[in-house]
Amino acid sequence: MFEYVLMFLLGIFIIALGIINYKGNINSIHFYNRKKITEETRIPHGKLMGTGTAIIGLGLIATAILEMFVELENLYYVSLPCFRHCNNDLCSNKI
């Protein structure tokens, strides 16, 4: 149960980061890309980055909800490996 909650909370955090980017705050982008953005393209670029980041967060939340209620074998390949504790031959715990 803990891995689902952790994935859900990570999705919430990423959505919040996407909302911050969408409003035009692009400080979360690393410096190399941030210095290429001019002031007039900051808002459109932030909206694009924010939308993409929020979609990633929604995907994490949807995966966490699906895994909570439905134990599908295919979700082993979709979800992040660090949140899964596999006890079968499909994946190993060795990193």
PDB file of N, CA and C in Angstrom:
ATOM      1  N   MET A   1       0.820  -1.198   0.000  1.00  0.00           N
ATOM      2  CA  MET A   1       0.000   0.000   0.000  1.00  0.00           C
ATOM      3  C   MET A   1       0.866   1.266   0.000  1.00  0.00           C
ATOM      4  N   PHE A   2       2.018   1.215   0.674  1.00  0.00           N
ATOM      5  CA  PHE A   2       2.875   2.395   0.783  1.00  0.00           C
ATOM      6  C   PHE A   2       3.391   2.858  -0.574  1.00  0.00           C
ATOM      7  N   GLU A   3       3.721   1.923  -1.470  1.00  0.00           N
ATOM      8  CA  GLU A   3       4.255   2.336  -2.767  1.00  0.00           C
ATOM      9  C   GLU A   3       3.207   3.064  -3.607  1.00  0.00           C
ATOM     10  N   TYR A   4       1.925   2.749  -3.404  1.00  0.00           N
ATOM     11  CA  TYR A   4       0.873   3.453  -4.137  1.00  0.00           C
ATOM     12  C   TYR A   4       0.728   4.883  -3.618  1.00  0.00           C
ATOM     13  N   VAL A   5       0.774   5.038  -2.302  1.00  0.00           N
ATOM     14  CA  VAL A   5       0.654   6.365  -1.701  1.00  0.00           C
ATOM     15  C   VAL A   5       1.846   7.224  -2.092  1.00  0.00           C
ATOM     16  N   LEU A   6       3.025   6.647  -2.099  1.00  0.00           N
ATOM     17  CA  LEU A   6       4.227   7.392  -2.479  1.00  0.00           C
ATOM     18  C   LEU A   6       4.150   7.844  -3.934  1.00  0.00           C
ATOM     19  N   MET A   7       3.686   6.980  -4.814  1.00  0.00           N
ATOM     20  CA  MET A   7       3.547   7.347  -6.219  1.00  0.00           C
ATOM     21  C   MET A   7       2.476   8.426  -6.388  1.00  0.00           C
ATOM     22  N   PHE A   8       1.393   8.313  -5.627  1.00  0.00           N
ATOM     23  CA  PHE A   8       0.319   9.303  -5.680  1.00  0.00           C
ATOM     24  C   PHE A   8       0.832  10.668  -5.224  1.00  0.00           C
ATOM     25  N   LEU A   9       1.581  10.700  -4.122  1.00  0.00           N
ATOM     26  CA  LEU A   9       2.121  11.964  -3.616  1.00  0.00           C
ATOM     27  C   LEU A   9       3.147  12.564  -4.576  1.00  0.00           C
ATOM     28  N   LEU A  10       3.945  11.720  -5.217  1.00  0.00           N
ATOM     29  CA  LEU A  10       4.890  12.210  -6.216  1.00  0.00           C
ATOM     30  C   LEU A  10       4.142  12.830  -7.398  1.00  0.00           C
ATOM     31  N   GLY A  11       3.030  12.228  -7.790  1.00  0.00           N
ATOM     32  CA  GLY A  11       2.204  12.791  -8.856  1.00  0.00           C
ATOM     33  C   GLY A  11       1.636  14.144  -8.483  1.00  0.00           C
ATOM     34  N   ILE A  12       1.191  14.291  -7.225  1.00  0.00           N
ATOM     35  CA  ILE A  12       0.677  15.573  -6.746  1.00  0.00           C
ATOM     36  C   ILE A  12       1.785  16.635  -6.789  1.00  0.00           C
ATOM     37  N   PHE A  13       2.985  16.257  -6.346  1.00  0.00           N
ATOM     38  CA  PHE A  13       4.118  17.182  -6.356  1.00  0.00           C
ATOM     39  C   PHE A  13       4.460  17.620  -7.783  1.00  0.00           C
ATOM     40  N   ILE A  14       4.461  16.689  -8.714  1.00  0.00           N
ATOM     41  CA  ILE A  14       4.806  17.021 -10.102  1.00  0.00           C
ATOM     42  C   ILE A  14       3.725  17.892 -10.731  1.00  0.00           C
ATOM     43  N   ILE A  15       2.459  17.652 -10.394  1.00  0.00           N
ATOM     44  CA  ILE A  15       1.385  18.519 -10.890  1.00  0.00           C
ATOM     45  C   ILE A  15       1.547  19.933 -10.335  1.00  0.00           C
ATOM     46  N   ALA A  16       1.892  20.044  -9.056  1.00  0.00           N
ATOM     47  CA  ALA A  16       2.113  21.372  -8.465  1.00  0.00           C
ATOM     48  C   ALA A  16       3.265  22.092  -9.165  1.00  0.00           C
ATOM     49  N   LEU A  17       4.322  21.362  -9.486  1.00  0.00           N
ATOM     50  CA  LEU A  17       5.431  21.943 -10.234  1.00  0.00           C
ATOM     51  C   LEU A  17       4.977  22.382 -11.627  1.00  0.00           C
ATOM     52  N   GLY A  18       4.112  21.596 -12.244  1.00  0.00           N
ATOM     53  CA  GLY A  18       3.571  21.964 -13.552  1.00  0.00           C
ATOM     54  C   GLY A  18       2.727  23.226 -13.491  1.00  0.00           C
ATOM     55  N   ILE A  19       1.957  23.394 -12.425  1.00  0.00           N
ATOM     56  CA  ILE A  19       1.148  24.605 -12.271  1.00  0.00           C
ATOM     57  C   ILE A  19       2.049  25.826 -12.088  1.00  0.00           C
ATOM     58  N   ILE A  20       3.119  25.655 -11.324  1.00  0.00           N
ATOM     59  CA  ILE A  20       4.069  26.753 -11.140  1.00  0.00           C
ATOM     60  C   ILE A  20       4.709  27.135 -12.473  1.00  0.00           C
ATOM     61  N   ASN A  21       5.109  26.133 -13.263  1.00  0.00           N
ATOM     62  CA  ASN A  21       5.680  26.412 -14.583  1.00  0.00           C
ATOM     63  C   ASN A  21       4.655  27.060 -15.504  1.00  0.00           C
ATOM     64  N   TYR A  22       3.412  26.609 -15.434  1.00  0.00           N
ATOM     65  CA  TYR A  22       2.357  27.129 -16.305  1.00  0.00           C
ATOM     66  C   TYR A  22       2.127  28.611 -16.070  1.00  0.00           C
ATOM     67  N   LYS A  23       2.302  29.060 -14.841  1.00  0.00           N
ATOM     68  CA  LYS A  23       2.101  30.473 -14.514  1.00  0.00           C
ATOM     69  C   LYS A  23       3.268  31.351 -14.954  1.00  0.00           C
ATOM     70  N   GLY A  24       4.323  30.744 -15.497  1.00  0.00           N
ATOM     71  CA  GLY A  24       5.434  31.527 -16.031  1.00  0.00           C
ATOM     72  C   GLY A  24       6.702  31.467 -15.214  1.00  0.00           C
ATOM     73  N   ASN A  25       6.685  30.806 -14.074  1.00  0.00           N
ATOM     74  CA  ASN A  25       7.895  30.669 -13.266  1.00  0.00           C
ATOM     75  C   ASN A  25       8.694  29.484 -13.800  1.00  0.00           C
ATOM     76  N   ILE A  26       9.793  29.771 -14.481  1.00  0.00           N
ATOM     77  CA  ILE A  26      10.572  28.711 -15.124  1.00  0.00           C
ATOM     78  C   ILE A  26      11.866  28.431 -14.372  1.00  0.00           C
ATOM     79  N   ASN A  27      11.913  28.751 -13.084  1.00  0.00           N
ATOM     80  CA  ASN A  27      13.130  28.533 -12.299  1.00  0.00           C
ATOM     81  C   ASN A  27      13.439  27.051 -12.089  1.00  0.00           C
ATOM     82  N   SER A  28      12.479  26.177 -12.310  1.00  0.00           N
ATOM     83  CA  SER A  28      12.745  24.749 -12.138  1.00  0.00           C
ATOM     84  C   SER A  28      13.468  24.137 -13.343  1.00  0.00           C
ATOM     85  N   ILE A  29      13.556  24.897 -14.441  1.00  0.00           N
ATOM     86  CA  ILE A  29      14.283  24.430 -15.620  1.00  0.00           C
ATOM     87  C   ILE A  29      15.773  24.693 -15.382  1.00  0.00           C
ATOM     88  N   HIS A  30      16.624  23.764 -15.785  1.00  0.00           N
ATOM     89  CA  HIS A  30      18.048  23.964 -15.532  1.00  0.00           C
ATOM     90  C   HIS A  30      18.583  25.160 -16.318  1.00  0.00           C
ATOM     91  N   PHE A  31      19.679  25.694 -15.838  1.00  0.00           N
ATOM     92  CA  PHE A  31      20.199  26.988 -16.290  1.00  0.00           C
ATOM     93  C   PHE A  31      20.488  27.017 -17.787  1.00  0.00           C
ATOM     94  N   TYR A  32      20.974  25.922 -18.348  1.00  0.00           N
ATOM     95  CA  TYR A  32      21.352  25.916 -19.764  1.00  0.00           C
ATOM     96  C   TYR A  32      20.155  26.251 -20.645  1.00  0.00           C
ATOM     97  N   ASN A  33      19.002  25.670 -20.371  1.00  0.00           N
ATOM     98  CA  ASN A  33      17.808  25.968 -21.172  1.00  0.00           C
ATOM     99  C   ASN A  33      17.152  27.280 -20.758  1.00  0.00           C
ATOM    100  N   ARG A  34      17.249  27.629 -19.487  1.00  0.00           N
ATOM    101  CA  ARG A  34      16.614  28.850 -19.006  1.00  0.00           C
ATOM    102  C   ARG A  34      17.261  30.099 -19.604  1.00  0.00           C
ATOM    103  N   LYS A  35      18.561  30.067 -19.852  1.00  0.00           N
ATOM    104  CA  LYS A  35      19.225  31.258 -20.407  1.00  0.00           C
ATOM    105  C   LYS A  35      18.894  31.468 -21.885  1.00  0.00           C
ATOM    106  N   LYS A  36      18.358  30.464 -22.562  1.00  0.00           N
ATOM    107  CA  LYS A  36      17.968  30.598 -23.961  1.00  0.00           C
ATOM    108  C   LYS A  36      16.566  31.184 -24.130  1.00  0.00           C
ATOM    109  N   ILE A  37      15.812  31.302 -23.037  1.00  0.00           N
ATOM    110  CA  ILE A  37      14.439  31.785 -23.109  1.00  0.00           C
ATOM    111  C   ILE A  37      14.434  33.296 -22.906  1.00  0.00           C
ATOM    112  N   THR A  38      13.857  34.012 -23.859  1.00  0.00           N
ATOM    113  CA  THR A  38      13.773  35.463 -23.739  1.00  0.00           C
ATOM    114  C   THR A  38      12.544  35.829 -22.899  1.00  0.00           C
ATOM    115  N   GLU A  39      12.452  37.078 -22.529  1.00  0.00           N
ATOM    116  CA  GLU A  39      11.346  37.532 -21.680  1.00  0.00           C
ATOM    117  C   GLU A  39       9.999  37.427 -22.396  1.00  0.00           C
ATOM    118  N   GLU A  40       9.969  37.692 -23.707  1.00  0.00           N
ATOM    119  CA  GLU A  40       8.690  37.609 -24.417  1.00  0.00           C
ATOM    120  C   GLU A  40       8.243  36.164 -24.665  1.00  0.00           C
ATOM    121  N   THR A  41       9.156  35.199 -24.631  1.00  0.00           N
ATOM    122  CA  THR A  41       8.762  33.791 -24.807  1.00  0.00           C
ATOM    123  C   THR A  41       8.693  33.034 -23.481  1.00  0.00           C
ATOM    124  N   ARG A  42       8.873  33.730 -22.360  1.00  0.00           N
ATOM    125  CA  ARG A  42       8.861  33.061 -21.059  1.00  0.00           C
ATOM    126  C   ARG A  42       7.476  32.491 -20.728  1.00  0.00           C
ATOM    127  N   ILE A  43       6.415  33.269 -20.933  1.00  0.00           N
ATOM    128  CA  ILE A  43       5.061  32.821 -20.615  1.00  0.00           C
ATOM    129  C   ILE A  43       4.634  31.649 -21.512  1.00  0.00           C
ATOM    130  N   PRO A  44       4.766  31.743 -22.853  1.00  0.00           N
ATOM    131  CA  PRO A  44       4.373  30.578 -23.678  1.00  0.00           C
ATOM    132  C   PRO A  44       5.211  29.330 -23.385  1.00  0.00           C
ATOM    133  N   HIS A  45       6.498  29.534 -23.144  1.00  0.00           N
ATOM    134  CA  HIS A  45       7.358  28.391 -22.833  1.00  0.00           C
ATOM    135  C   HIS A  45       6.959  27.771 -21.493  1.00  0.00           C
ATOM    136  N   GLY A  46       6.647  28.610 -20.513  1.00  0.00           N
ATOM    137  CA  GLY A  46       6.205  28.112 -19.211  1.00  0.00           C
ATOM    138  C   GLY A  46       4.896  27.343 -19.312  1.00  0.00           C
ATOM    139  N   LYS A  47       3.968  27.830 -20.148  1.00  0.00           N
ATOM    140  CA  LYS A  47       2.698  27.120 -20.333  1.00  0.00           C
ATOM    141  C   LYS A  47       2.920  25.753 -20.962  1.00  0.00           C
ATOM    142  N   LEU A  48       3.808  25.698 -21.933  1.00  0.00           N
ATOM    143  CA  LEU A  48       4.092  24.418 -22.590  1.00  0.00           C
ATOM    144  C   LEU A  48       4.771  23.439 -21.624  1.00  0.00           C
ATOM    145  N   MET A  49       5.769  23.934 -20.898  1.00  0.00           N
ATOM    146  CA  MET A  49       6.462  23.078 -19.926  1.00  0.00           C
ATOM    147  C   MET A  49       5.518  22.653 -18.800  1.00  0.00           C
ATOM    148  N   GLY A  50       4.682  23.574 -18.336  1.00  0.00           N
ATOM    149  CA  GLY A  50       3.743  23.264 -17.269  1.00  0.00           C
ATOM    150  C   GLY A  50       2.715  22.228 -17.669  1.00  0.00           C
ATOM    151  N   THR A  51       2.226  22.323 -18.899  1.00  0.00           N
ATOM    152  CA  THR A  51       1.258  21.343 -19.390  1.00  0.00           C
ATOM    153  C   THR A  51       1.889  19.961 -19.468  1.00  0.00           C
ATOM    154  N   GLY A  52       3.081  19.877 -20.013  1.00  0.00           N
ATOM    155  CA  GLY A  52       3.762  18.578 -20.107  1.00  0.00           C
ATOM    156  C   GLY A  52       4.072  17.988 -18.746  1.00  0.00           C
ATOM    157  N   THR A  53       4.504  18.827 -17.810  1.00  0.00           N
ATOM    158  CA  THR A  53       4.814  18.350 -16.468  1.00  0.00           C
ATOM    159  C   THR A  53       3.559  17.870 -15.760  1.00  0.00           C
ATOM    160  N   ALA A  54       2.452  18.593 -15.922  1.00  0.00           N
ATOM    161  CA  ALA A  54       1.195  18.181 -15.293  1.00  0.00           C
ATOM    162  C   ALA A  54       0.680  16.870 -15.874  1.00  0.00           C
ATOM    163  N   ILE A  55       0.881  16.651 -17.163  1.00  0.00           N
ATOM    164  CA  ILE A  55       0.456  15.388 -17.783  1.00  0.00           C
ATOM    165  C   ILE A  55       1.252  14.224 -17.196  1.00  0.00           C
ATOM    166  N   ILE A  56       2.528  14.423 -16.962  1.00  0.00           N
ATOM    167  CA  ILE A  56       3.346  13.377 -16.336  1.00  0.00           C
ATOM    168  C   ILE A  56       2.832  13.086 -14.924  1.00  0.00           C
ATOM    169  N   GLY A  57       2.505  14.130 -14.163  1.00  0.00           N
ATOM    170  CA  GLY A  57       1.958  13.948 -12.821  1.00  0.00           C
ATOM    171  C   GLY A  57       0.626  13.225 -12.837  1.00  0.00           C
ATOM    172  N   LEU A  58      -0.236  13.563 -13.793  1.00  0.00           N
ATOM    173  CA  LEU A  58      -1.516  12.865 -13.911  1.00  0.00           C
ATOM    174  C   LEU A  58      -1.322  11.389 -14.247  1.00  0.00           C
ATOM    175  N   GLY A  59      -0.320  11.101 -15.067  1.00  0.00           N
ATOM    176  CA  GLY A  59      -0.020   9.701 -15.380  1.00  0.00           C
ATOM    177  C   GLY A  59       0.408   8.917 -14.151  1.00  0.00           C
ATOM    178  N   LEU A  60       1.213   9.532 -13.293  1.00  0.00           N
ATOM    179  CA  LEU A  60       1.620   8.871 -12.052  1.00  0.00           C
ATOM    180  C   LEU A  60       0.423   8.624 -11.131  1.00  0.00           C
ATOM    181  N   ILE A  61      -0.455   9.619 -11.032  1.00  0.00           N
ATOM    182  CA  ILE A  61      -1.636   9.458 -10.180  1.00  0.00           C
ATOM    183  C   ILE A  61      -2.560   8.382 -10.735  1.00  0.00           C
ATOM    184  N   ALA A  62      -2.775   8.382 -12.038  1.00  0.00           N
ATOM    185  CA  ALA A  62      -3.633   7.358 -12.649  1.00  0.00           C
ATOM    186  C   ALA A  62      -3.050   5.960 -12.450  1.00  0.00           C
ATOM    187  N   THR A  63      -1.746   5.829 -12.585  1.00  0.00           N
ATOM    188  CA  THR A  63      -1.105   4.531 -12.371  1.00  0.00           C
ATOM    189  C   THR A  63      -1.247   4.084 -10.928  1.00  0.00           C
ATOM    190  N   ALA A  64      -1.076   5.003  -9.986  1.00  0.00           N
ATOM    191  CA  ALA A  64      -1.216   4.654  -8.573  1.00  0.00           C
ATOM    192  C   ALA A  64      -2.636   4.211  -8.259  1.00  0.00           C
ATOM    193  N   ILE A  65      -3.638   4.904  -8.801  1.00  0.00           N
ATOM    194  CA  ILE A  65      -5.028   4.529  -8.548  1.00  0.00           C
ATOM    195  C   ILE A  65      -5.344   3.179  -9.177  1.00  0.00           C
ATOM    196  N   LEU A  66      -4.882   2.961 -10.395  1.00  0.00           N
ATOM    197  CA  LEU A  66      -5.116   1.660 -11.042  1.00  0.00           C
ATOM    198  C   LEU A  66      -4.466   0.525 -10.267  1.00  0.00           C
ATOM    199  N   GLU A  67      -3.270   0.735  -9.783  1.00  0.00           N
ATOM    200  CA  GLU A  67      -2.594  -0.314  -9.032  1.00  0.00           C
ATOM    201  C   GLU A  67      -3.253  -0.573  -7.683  1.00  0.00           C
ATOM    202  N   MET A  68      -3.874   0.455  -7.091  1.00  0.00           N
ATOM    203  CA  MET A  68      -4.554   0.267  -5.813  1.00  0.00           C
ATOM    204  C   MET A  68      -5.757  -0.650  -5.949  1.00  0.00           C
ATOM    205  N   PHE A  69      -6.502  -0.485  -7.024  1.00  0.00           N
ATOM    206  CA  PHE A  69      -7.765  -1.198  -7.153  1.00  0.00           C
ATOM    207  C   PHE A  69      -7.703  -2.418  -8.055  1.00  0.00           C
ATOM    208  N   VAL A  70      -6.802  -2.420  -9.005  1.00  0.00           N
ATOM    209  CA  VAL A  70      -6.712  -3.525  -9.965  1.00  0.00           C
ATOM    210  C   VAL A  70      -5.270  -4.002  -9.997  1.00  0.00           C
ATOM    211  N   GLU A  71      -5.059  -5.261  -9.733  1.00  0.00           N
ATOM    212  CA  GLU A  71      -3.709  -5.827  -9.763  1.00  0.00           C
ATOM    213  C   GLU A  71      -3.465  -6.393 -11.165  1.00  0.00           C
ATOM    214  N   LEU A  72      -3.030  -5.523 -12.073  1.00  0.00           N
ATOM    215  CA  LEU A  72      -2.766  -5.929 -13.448  1.00  0.00           C
ATOM    216  C   LEU A  72      -1.286  -6.215 -13.643  1.00  0.00           C
ATOM    217  N   GLU A  73      -0.986  -7.296 -14.327  1.00  0.00           N
ATOM    218  CA  GLU A  73       0.404  -7.676 -14.583  1.00  0.00           C
ATOM    219  C   GLU A  73       1.100  -6.667 -15.493  1.00  0.00           C
ATOM    220  N   ASN A  74       0.359  -6.046 -16.412  1.00  0.00           N
ATOM    221  CA  ASN A  74       0.968  -5.091 -17.345  1.00  0.00           C
ATOM    222  C   ASN A  74       1.445  -3.832 -16.650  1.00  0.00           C
ATOM    223  N   LEU A  75       0.885  -3.495 -15.501  1.00  0.00           N
ATOM    224  CA  LEU A  75       1.310  -2.291 -14.800  1.00  0.00           C
ATOM    225  C   LEU A  75       2.702  -2.433 -14.212  1.00  0.00           C
ATOM    226  N   TYR A  76       3.213  -3.677 -14.126  1.00  0.00           N
ATOM    227  CA  TYR A  76       4.603  -3.849 -13.702  1.00  0.00           C
ATOM    228  C   TYR A  76       5.546  -3.146 -14.672  1.00  0.00           C
ATOM    229  N   TYR A  77       5.188  -3.123 -15.932  1.00  0.00           N
ATOM    230  CA  TYR A  77       6.045  -2.528 -16.946  1.00  0.00           C
ATOM    231  C   TYR A  77       5.786  -1.033 -17.121  1.00  0.00           C
ATOM    232  N   VAL A  78       4.626  -0.544 -16.682  1.00  0.00           N
ATOM    233  CA  VAL A  78       4.256   0.851 -16.860  1.00  0.00           C
ATOM    234  C   VAL A  78       4.726   1.690 -15.675  1.00  0.00           C
ATOM    235  N   SER A  79       4.567   1.171 -14.470  1.00  0.00           N
ATOM    236  CA  SER A  79       4.876   1.965 -13.282  1.00  0.00           C
ATOM    237  C   SER A  79       6.382   2.068 -13.068  1.00  0.00           C
ATOM    238  N   LEU A  80       6.762   3.008 -12.224  1.00  0.00           N
ATOM    239  CA  LEU A  80       8.176   3.202 -11.923  1.00  0.00           C
ATOM    240  C   LEU A  80       8.705   2.009 -11.131  1.00  0.00           C
ATOM    241  N   PRO A  81       9.833   1.445 -11.514  1.00  0.00           N
ATOM    242  CA  PRO A  81      10.360   0.266 -10.824  1.00  0.00           C
ATOM    243  C   PRO A  81      10.689   0.510  -9.355  1.00  0.00           C
ATOM    244  N   CYS A  82      11.002   1.744  -8.978  1.00  0.00           N
ATOM    245  CA  CYS A  82      11.379   1.988  -7.584  1.00  0.00           C
ATOM    246  C   CYS A  82      10.184   1.915  -6.649  1.00  0.00           C
ATOM    247  N   PHE A  83       8.959   1.915  -7.171  1.00  0.00           N
ATOM    248  CA  PHE A  83       7.784   1.840  -6.322  1.00  0.00           C
ATOM    249  C   PHE A  83       7.230   0.432  -6.203  1.00  0.00           C
ATOM    250  N   ARG A  84       7.758  -0.488  -6.966  1.00  0.00           N
ATOM    251  CA  ARG A  84       7.236  -1.856  -6.972  1.00  0.00           C
ATOM    252  C   ARG A  84       8.161  -2.774  -6.187  1.00  0.00           C
ATOM    253  N   HIS A  85       7.598  -3.670  -5.438  1.00  0.00           N
ATOM    254  CA  HIS A  85       8.351  -4.709  -4.753  1.00  0.00           C
ATOM    255  C   HIS A  85       7.917  -6.036  -5.369  1.00  0.00           C
ATOM    256  N   CYS A  86       8.713  -6.523  -6.293  1.00  0.00           N
ATOM    257  CA  CYS A  86       8.334  -7.719  -7.044  1.00  0.00           C
ATOM    258  C   CYS A  86       8.793  -8.967  -6.301  1.00  0.00           C
ATOM    259  N   ASN A  87       7.919  -9.922  -6.232  1.00  0.00           N
ATOM    260  CA  ASN A  87       8.246 -11.213  -5.634  1.00  0.00           C
ATOM    261  C   ASN A  87       8.154 -12.333  -6.657  1.00  0.00           C
ATOM    262  N   ASN A  88       8.167 -11.996  -7.926  1.00  0.00           N
ATOM    263  CA  ASN A  88       8.065 -13.024  -8.954  1.00  0.00           C
ATOM    264  C   ASN A  88       9.261 -12.930  -9.898  1.00  0.00           C
ATOM    265  N   ASP A  89       9.214 -13.704 -10.971  1.00  0.00           N
ATOM    266  CA  ASP A  89      10.347 -13.774 -11.900  1.00  0.00           C
ATOM    267  C   ASP A  89      10.353 -12.632 -12.930  1.00  0.00           C
ATOM    268  N   LEU A  90       9.354 -11.758 -12.935  1.00  0.00           N
ATOM    269  CA  LEU A  90       9.289 -10.700 -13.940  1.00  0.00           C
ATOM    270  C   LEU A  90      10.333  -9.619 -13.710  1.00  0.00           C
ATOM    271  N   CYS A  91      10.652  -9.357 -12.463  1.00  0.00           N
ATOM    272  CA  CYS A  91      11.654  -8.324 -12.189  1.00  0.00           C
ATOM    273  C   CYS A  91      12.478  -8.736 -10.975  1.00  0.00           C
ATOM    274  N   SER A  92      13.656  -8.187 -10.896  1.00  0.00           N
ATOM    275  CA  SER A  92      14.522  -8.511  -9.761  1.00  0.00           C
ATOM    276  C   SER A  92      14.760  -7.260  -8.939  1.00  0.00           C
ATOM    277  N   ASN A  93      15.156  -7.441  -7.705  1.00  0.00           N
ATOM    278  CA  ASN A  93      15.409  -6.310  -6.814  1.00  0.00           C
ATOM    279  C   ASN A  93      16.849  -5.836  -6.907  1.00  0.00           C
ATOM    280  N   LYS A  94      17.653  -6.411  -7.776  1.00  0.00           N
ATOM    281  CA  LYS A  94      19.046  -6.013  -7.920  1.00  0.00           C
ATOM    282  C   LYS A  94      19.141  -4.764  -8.778  1.00  0.00           C
ATOM    283  N   ILE A  95      19.887  -3.806  -8.300  1.00  0.00           N
ATOM    284  CA  ILE A  95      20.086  -2.583  -9.083  1.00  0.00           C
ATOM    285  C   ILE A  95      21.563  -2.419  -9.355  1.00  0.00           C
TER     286      ILE A  95
END
